């Protein structure tokens, strides 16, 4: 029996990562990609880089 799409290993986690990437990109766009934002919130660029 074939398992449903959302029950496959890693599918839910992939959607969580996609959601986080969209939020982070929106934050970067909102702040205009300034270096000050990246320095103040250094964890966000690290997460995006690790996710890619």
N, C-alpha and C. Protein backbone atom coordinates (compact mmCIF):
# COMPACT_ATOMS: atom_id res chain seq x y z
N UNK A 1 0.84 -1.18 0.00
CA UNK A 1 0.00 0.00 0.00
C UNK A 1 0.89 1.25 0.00
N UNK A 2 0.57 2.18 -0.86
CA UNK A 2 1.36 3.40 -0.98
C UNK A 2 0.94 4.40 0.09
N UNK A 3 1.95 5.01 0.73
CA UNK A 3 1.65 5.97 1.78
C UNK A 3 1.30 7.34 1.19
N UNK A 4 0.46 8.12 1.88
CA UNK A 4 0.09 9.45 1.40
C UNK A 4 1.31 10.37 1.27
N UNK A 5 1.20 11.35 0.42
CA UNK A 5 2.32 12.26 0.13
C UNK A 5 2.86 12.92 1.39
N UNK A 6 1.98 13.47 2.24
CA UNK A 6 2.43 14.18 3.43
C UNK A 6 3.00 13.26 4.50
N UNK A 7 2.77 11.96 4.40
CA UNK A 7 3.29 11.02 5.39
C UNK A 7 4.66 10.49 5.00
N UNK A 8 5.16 10.83 3.83
CA UNK A 8 6.48 10.39 3.42
C UNK A 8 7.54 11.07 4.27
N UNK A 9 8.65 10.39 4.42
CA UNK A 9 9.73 10.89 5.27
C UNK A 9 10.30 12.20 4.72
N UNK A 10 10.31 13.24 5.54
CA UNK A 10 10.92 14.50 5.18
C UNK A 10 10.04 15.51 4.46
N UNK A 11 8.84 15.15 4.08
CA UNK A 11 7.99 16.06 3.32
C UNK A 11 7.52 17.23 4.19
N UNK A 12 7.08 16.94 5.40
CA UNK A 12 6.62 18.01 6.29
C UNK A 12 7.77 18.93 6.65
N UNK A 13 8.94 18.38 6.91
CA UNK A 13 10.11 19.20 7.23
C UNK A 13 10.50 20.08 6.05
N UNK A 14 10.39 19.56 4.84
CA UNK A 14 10.70 20.36 3.66
C UNK A 14 9.76 21.56 3.55
N UNK A 15 8.48 21.36 3.85
CA UNK A 15 7.54 22.47 3.81
C UNK A 15 7.84 23.50 4.89
N UNK A 16 8.29 23.05 6.04
CA UNK A 16 8.68 23.97 7.11
C UNK A 16 9.87 24.82 6.66
N UNK A 17 10.88 24.19 6.03
CA UNK A 17 12.05 24.92 5.54
C UNK A 17 11.65 25.92 4.45
N UNK A 18 10.77 25.54 3.57
CA UNK A 18 10.30 26.45 2.51
C UNK A 18 9.60 27.64 3.14
N UNK A 19 8.75 27.40 4.13
CA UNK A 19 8.03 28.47 4.82
C UNK A 19 9.02 29.41 5.50
N UNK A 20 10.03 28.87 6.18
CA UNK A 20 11.03 29.70 6.84
C UNK A 20 11.82 30.52 5.84
N UNK A 21 12.16 29.92 4.69
CA UNK A 21 12.89 30.67 3.66
C UNK A 21 12.07 31.83 3.13
N UNK A 22 10.78 31.62 2.93
CA UNK A 22 9.92 32.69 2.43
C UNK A 22 9.84 33.83 3.45
N UNK A 23 9.72 33.48 4.73
CA UNK A 23 9.70 34.51 5.77
C UNK A 23 11.00 35.29 5.79
N UNK A 24 12.12 34.58 5.73
CA UNK A 24 13.42 35.25 5.79
C UNK A 24 13.65 36.14 4.57
N UNK A 25 13.28 35.66 3.40
CA UNK A 25 13.44 36.48 2.21
C UNK A 25 12.56 37.72 2.27
N UNK A 26 11.35 37.56 2.82
CA UNK A 26 10.47 38.72 2.97
C UNK A 26 11.09 39.74 3.94
N UNK A 27 11.70 39.26 5.02
CA UNK A 27 12.36 40.17 5.96
C UNK A 27 13.52 40.90 5.29
N UNK A 28 14.30 40.19 4.50
CA UNK A 28 15.41 40.83 3.81
C UNK A 28 14.92 41.86 2.80
N UNK A 29 13.85 41.52 2.08
CA UNK A 29 13.29 42.47 1.11
C UNK A 29 12.71 43.69 1.82
N UNK A 30 12.06 43.47 2.95
CA UNK A 30 11.46 44.57 3.70
C UNK A 30 12.52 45.55 4.19
N UNK A 31 13.66 45.02 4.60
CA UNK A 31 14.73 45.87 5.14
C UNK A 31 15.69 46.34 4.04
N UNK A 32 15.47 45.94 2.83
CA UNK A 32 16.30 46.40 1.72
C UNK A 32 17.67 45.76 1.64
N UNK A 33 17.80 44.54 2.14
CA UNK A 33 19.07 43.81 2.08
C UNK A 33 20.22 44.61 2.69
N UNK A 34 19.96 45.35 3.74
CA UNK A 34 21.03 46.14 4.36
C UNK A 34 21.95 45.24 5.18
N UNK A 35 23.20 45.62 5.26
CA UNK A 35 24.16 44.82 6.03
C UNK A 35 23.88 44.93 7.52
N UNK A 36 23.27 46.03 7.95
CA UNK A 36 22.92 46.21 9.35
C UNK A 36 21.92 45.17 9.83
N UNK A 37 20.95 44.86 8.99
CA UNK A 37 19.96 43.84 9.34
C UNK A 37 20.62 42.48 9.45
N UNK A 38 21.51 42.16 8.50
CA UNK A 38 22.19 40.87 8.53
C UNK A 38 23.08 40.74 9.76
N UNK A 39 23.70 41.84 10.17
CA UNK A 39 24.55 41.80 11.37
C UNK A 39 23.71 41.69 12.63
N UNK A 40 22.58 42.35 12.66
CA UNK A 40 21.72 42.31 13.84
C UNK A 40 21.04 40.95 13.99
N UNK A 41 20.69 40.34 12.87
CA UNK A 41 19.98 39.05 12.87
C UNK A 41 20.81 38.04 12.09
N UNK A 42 21.99 37.74 12.55
CA UNK A 42 22.94 36.90 11.82
C UNK A 42 22.47 35.47 11.66
N UNK A 43 21.56 35.02 12.51
CA UNK A 43 21.09 33.63 12.42
C UNK A 43 20.25 33.41 11.16
N UNK A 44 19.53 34.44 10.70
CA UNK A 44 18.70 34.26 9.51
C UNK A 44 19.52 33.95 8.25
N UNK A 45 20.56 34.73 7.94
CA UNK A 45 21.38 34.37 6.77
C UNK A 45 22.05 33.00 6.92
N UNK A 46 22.39 32.63 8.16
CA UNK A 46 22.99 31.30 8.37
C UNK A 46 22.00 30.18 8.05
N UNK A 47 20.77 30.36 8.46
CA UNK A 47 19.75 29.35 8.19
C UNK A 47 19.47 29.25 6.70
N UNK A 48 19.36 30.41 6.04
CA UNK A 48 19.11 30.40 4.59
C UNK A 48 20.27 29.72 3.86
N UNK A 49 21.49 30.04 4.25
CA UNK A 49 22.65 29.43 3.59
C UNK A 49 22.71 27.93 3.83
N UNK A 50 22.42 27.51 5.05
CA UNK A 50 22.42 26.07 5.35
C UNK A 50 21.31 25.34 4.61
N UNK A 51 20.21 26.01 4.43
CA UNK A 51 19.08 25.39 3.75
C UNK A 51 19.34 25.22 2.25
N UNK A 52 20.10 26.13 1.69
CA UNK A 52 20.40 26.03 0.25
C UNK A 52 21.45 24.99 0.02
